[in-house]
Protein backbone atom coordinates (compact mmCIF):
# COMPACT_ATOMS: atom_id res chain seq x y z
CA MET A 1 -23.63 55.15 -44.76
CA LYS A 2 -22.10 57.13 -41.31
CA SER A 3 -22.87 55.25 -37.68
CA SER A 4 -23.76 58.43 -36.63
CA LYS A 5 -25.96 58.88 -39.92
CA ILE A 6 -28.05 55.84 -39.29
CA PHE A 7 -28.33 57.18 -35.49
CA ARG A 8 -29.41 60.53 -36.54
CA LEU A 9 -32.30 58.14 -38.63
CA ILE A 10 -33.45 55.86 -36.25
CA PHE A 11 -34.20 58.97 -33.78
CA THR A 12 -35.99 61.42 -36.29
CA ARG A 13 -37.94 58.84 -38.41
CA MET A 14 -39.05 56.81 -35.53
CA PHE A 15 -40.11 60.28 -33.12
CA PHE A 16 -41.74 60.92 -36.41
CA ILE A 17 -43.34 57.86 -37.73
CA SER A 18 -44.73 57.57 -33.23
CA ALA A 19 -45.81 61.78 -33.45
CA PHE A 20 -47.89 61.92 -36.36
CA THR A 21 -49.73 57.96 -36.60
CA PHE A 22 -52.27 56.53 -34.50
CA GLY A 23 -54.61 53.19 -34.45
CA GLY A 24 -51.24 51.13 -33.43
CA GLY A 25 -49.00 48.96 -33.92
CA TYR A 26 -49.68 47.99 -38.54
CA VAL A 27 -49.87 51.78 -38.59
CA VAL A 28 -46.44 51.77 -38.68
CA VAL A 29 -45.34 49.06 -40.46
CA PRO A 30 -45.92 51.02 -43.72
CA MET A 31 -44.12 53.82 -42.32
CA ILE A 32 -40.78 51.36 -40.96
CA GLN A 33 -41.31 50.26 -45.02
CA GLN A 34 -40.93 53.74 -46.52
CA TYR A 35 -38.08 55.18 -44.58
CA PHE A 36 -36.53 52.46 -44.00
CA VAL A 37 -37.05 49.73 -47.25
CA LYS A 38 -37.76 52.36 -50.42
CA GLU A 39 -36.28 55.87 -49.05
CA ASN A 40 -32.92 54.32 -48.04
CA LYS A 41 -32.66 51.12 -48.83
CA LEU A 42 -31.23 49.83 -45.11
CA LEU A 43 -33.91 47.11 -44.71
CA LYS A 44 -35.83 44.48 -47.01
CA ASN A 45 -39.91 44.56 -47.56
CA GLN A 46 -39.13 40.82 -46.04
CA GLU A 47 -37.34 41.51 -42.70
CA VAL A 48 -40.02 44.51 -41.73
CA LEU A 49 -43.13 42.08 -42.11
CA ASP A 50 -41.20 39.29 -40.19
CA MET A 51 -40.33 42.13 -37.63
CA ALA A 52 -43.66 43.45 -37.53
CA ALA A 53 -44.44 39.59 -37.15
CA ILE A 54 -42.38 39.09 -33.54
CA ALA A 55 -43.34 42.49 -32.62
CA GLN A 56 -47.41 41.79 -33.19
CA SER A 57 -46.79 37.72 -31.06
CA SER A 58 -44.41 40.03 -28.25
CA PRO A 59 -45.48 41.36 -25.12
CA GLY A 60 -45.54 45.01 -25.03
CA ALA A 61 -47.45 47.75 -28.04
CA ILE A 62 -47.09 46.44 -31.48
CA ALA A 63 -45.33 49.78 -32.50
CA VAL A 64 -42.54 50.23 -30.03
CA ASN A 65 -41.05 46.14 -30.21
CA LEU A 66 -41.95 47.16 -34.57
CA SER A 67 -39.30 49.71 -33.35
CA VAL A 68 -36.57 48.28 -31.02
CA LEU A 69 -36.63 45.51 -33.21
CA THR A 70 -35.74 47.86 -35.84
CA GLY A 71 -33.45 49.63 -34.33
CA TYR A 72 -31.93 46.03 -33.61
CA HIS A 73 -31.80 44.86 -36.42
CA LEU A 74 -30.14 48.03 -38.15
CA LYS A 75 -27.16 49.55 -34.67
CA GLY A 76 -27.79 46.24 -32.55
CA LEU A 77 -28.35 47.38 -28.67
CA LYS A 78 -27.94 50.71 -28.65
CA GLY A 79 -29.89 51.39 -31.91
CA ALA A 80 -32.72 49.71 -30.05
CA PHE A 81 -32.07 52.05 -27.61
CA VAL A 82 -31.75 55.01 -29.95
CA ALA A 83 -35.52 53.09 -31.69
CA ALA A 84 -37.07 52.97 -28.26
CA VAL A 85 -37.12 56.53 -27.18
CA ALA A 86 -37.88 58.29 -30.43
CA THR A 87 -40.69 55.77 -30.24
CA LEU A 88 -41.90 56.09 -26.43
CA LEU A 89 -41.11 59.83 -26.35
CA PRO A 90 -43.72 61.71 -28.65
CA PRO A 91 -46.62 59.94 -26.96
CA LEU A 92 -44.75 61.22 -23.59
CA LEU A 93 -45.12 64.68 -24.17
CA LEU A 94 -48.42 64.45 -26.00
CA LEU A 95 -50.08 62.53 -22.88
CA SER A 96 -48.32 65.07 -20.54
CA VAL A 97 -49.93 67.82 -22.33
CA ILE A 98 -53.53 66.24 -23.19
CA SER A 99 -53.14 65.51 -18.96
CA MET A 100 -52.85 69.12 -18.44
CA PHE A 101 -55.41 70.07 -20.51
CA TYR A 102 -57.92 67.38 -20.40
CA VAL A 103 -61.32 69.53 -20.03
CA SER A 104 -60.76 71.32 -22.75
CA PHE A 105 -59.69 68.85 -25.32
CA ARG A 106 -62.82 67.52 -24.61
CA GLN A 107 -65.00 69.64 -24.81
CA ASN A 108 -63.38 70.89 -27.93
CA MET A 109 -65.68 69.82 -30.96
CA LEU A 110 -62.44 70.89 -33.66
CA ILE A 111 -60.40 68.06 -32.26
CA ALA A 112 -63.01 65.42 -31.46
CA ALA A 113 -63.66 65.95 -35.56
CA VAL A 114 -59.33 65.46 -36.08
CA LEU A 115 -59.56 62.61 -34.14
CA LYS A 116 -62.84 61.14 -36.05
CA GLY A 117 -60.42 61.95 -39.71
CA MET A 118 -58.32 59.88 -37.99
CA GLU A 119 -59.91 57.26 -37.67
CA ALA A 120 -60.56 57.11 -41.98
CA ALA A 121 -56.62 57.26 -42.60
CA VAL A 122 -55.64 54.37 -39.83
CA VAL A 123 -58.51 52.45 -41.71
CA ALA A 124 -56.45 53.13 -44.99
CA MET A 125 -53.11 51.51 -43.46
CA ILE A 126 -54.08 48.95 -42.28
CA ILE A 127 -55.73 48.18 -45.66
CA ASP A 128 -52.79 49.27 -47.07
CA PHE A 129 -50.57 46.37 -45.11
CA ILE A 130 -53.14 43.71 -44.94
CA ILE A 131 -52.41 43.71 -48.97
CA ASN A 132 -49.26 43.58 -48.54
CA MET A 133 -48.40 41.02 -46.41
CA THR A 134 -51.04 39.22 -48.16
CA GLN A 135 -49.11 39.65 -52.10
CA THR A 136 -45.82 38.64 -49.51
CA ILE A 137 -48.07 35.79 -48.76
CA THR A 138 -49.10 34.47 -52.89
CA GLN A 139 -45.73 35.67 -54.28
CA GLU A 140 -44.03 32.63 -51.94
CA LYS A 141 -47.14 30.91 -53.82
CA ASN A 142 -47.49 28.31 -50.89
CA TRP A 143 -50.87 27.11 -50.91
CA PHE A 144 -50.77 26.08 -47.51
CA PHE A 145 -50.54 29.60 -46.05
CA MET A 146 -52.25 31.30 -48.32
CA LEU A 147 -55.62 28.95 -47.40
CA TRP A 148 -55.16 30.53 -44.55
CA ILE A 149 -55.62 33.68 -45.18
CA PRO A 150 -59.71 33.59 -46.33
CA LEU A 151 -60.80 30.23 -43.71
CA SER A 152 -59.19 33.31 -41.00
CA PHE A 153 -61.69 35.32 -42.66
CA VAL A 154 -64.42 33.98 -42.78
CA ALA A 155 -63.71 31.55 -39.83
CA ASN A 156 -64.05 35.20 -37.96
CA TYR A 157 -66.42 37.16 -39.39
CA PHE A 158 -69.73 34.76 -40.55
CA PHE A 159 -67.92 32.16 -36.97
CA HIS A 160 -67.37 34.71 -34.85
CA VAL A 161 -64.44 31.97 -33.47
CA SER A 162 -62.10 34.82 -31.44
CA VAL A 163 -59.36 35.77 -33.06
CA ILE A 164 -56.80 34.18 -30.50
CA TRP A 165 -58.13 30.74 -31.47
CA ILE A 166 -57.44 31.19 -35.15
CA LEU A 167 -54.27 31.93 -34.44
CA LEU A 168 -53.54 29.24 -32.30
CA VAL A 169 -54.87 26.82 -34.39
CA CYS A 170 -52.40 28.40 -37.13
CA ILE A 171 -49.15 28.57 -35.17
CA ALA A 172 -50.51 24.39 -34.38
CA THR A 173 -50.37 23.42 -37.99
CA SER A 174 -47.67 26.15 -39.19
CA ILE A 175 -45.43 23.79 -36.95
CA GLY A 176 -47.31 20.32 -38.06
CA TYR A 177 -46.42 21.58 -41.63
CA ALA A 178 -42.86 22.99 -41.27
CA LEU A 179 -41.70 19.27 -39.16
CA TYR A 180 -43.52 17.03 -42.23
CA LYS A 181 -41.83 19.32 -44.63
CA LYS A 182 -38.34 18.48 -42.67
């Protein structure tokens, strides 16, 4: 694929993803998988999941981090810049318009209903992401990592252990596991 076409693809897809996905970074992952893995075959599914993990652990918005990482992976610093601009432009424009008409938007029942409907779509996309990530982990057939899925859920849901503590324990045990395997 030509270099200019890849830049155009990065910009248009990241702009579209940013403009039409609501609910945070995890919603962006399936969209990037759709456009860059399935449709254009520029990335592998595992690469997207790895970048999502890096984006989550980096400071800043996951959606922006993942977008920049995708652009960088495809076309280096220029790709990262194009992806960042494309990702930041829709919210900047949308928030500018909303701030100009804030009182009108706040009182509009139709807009409130649309936003409520979007919540359901966001939940479905996050569930899809969790299923994909779980499938990737189970395909590796590594019981150590497969065990963390139900343990993390039980710790958080039933025992109300903070997600931060769960992440710290997962990081520490994963580092220990990797050192043990070496």
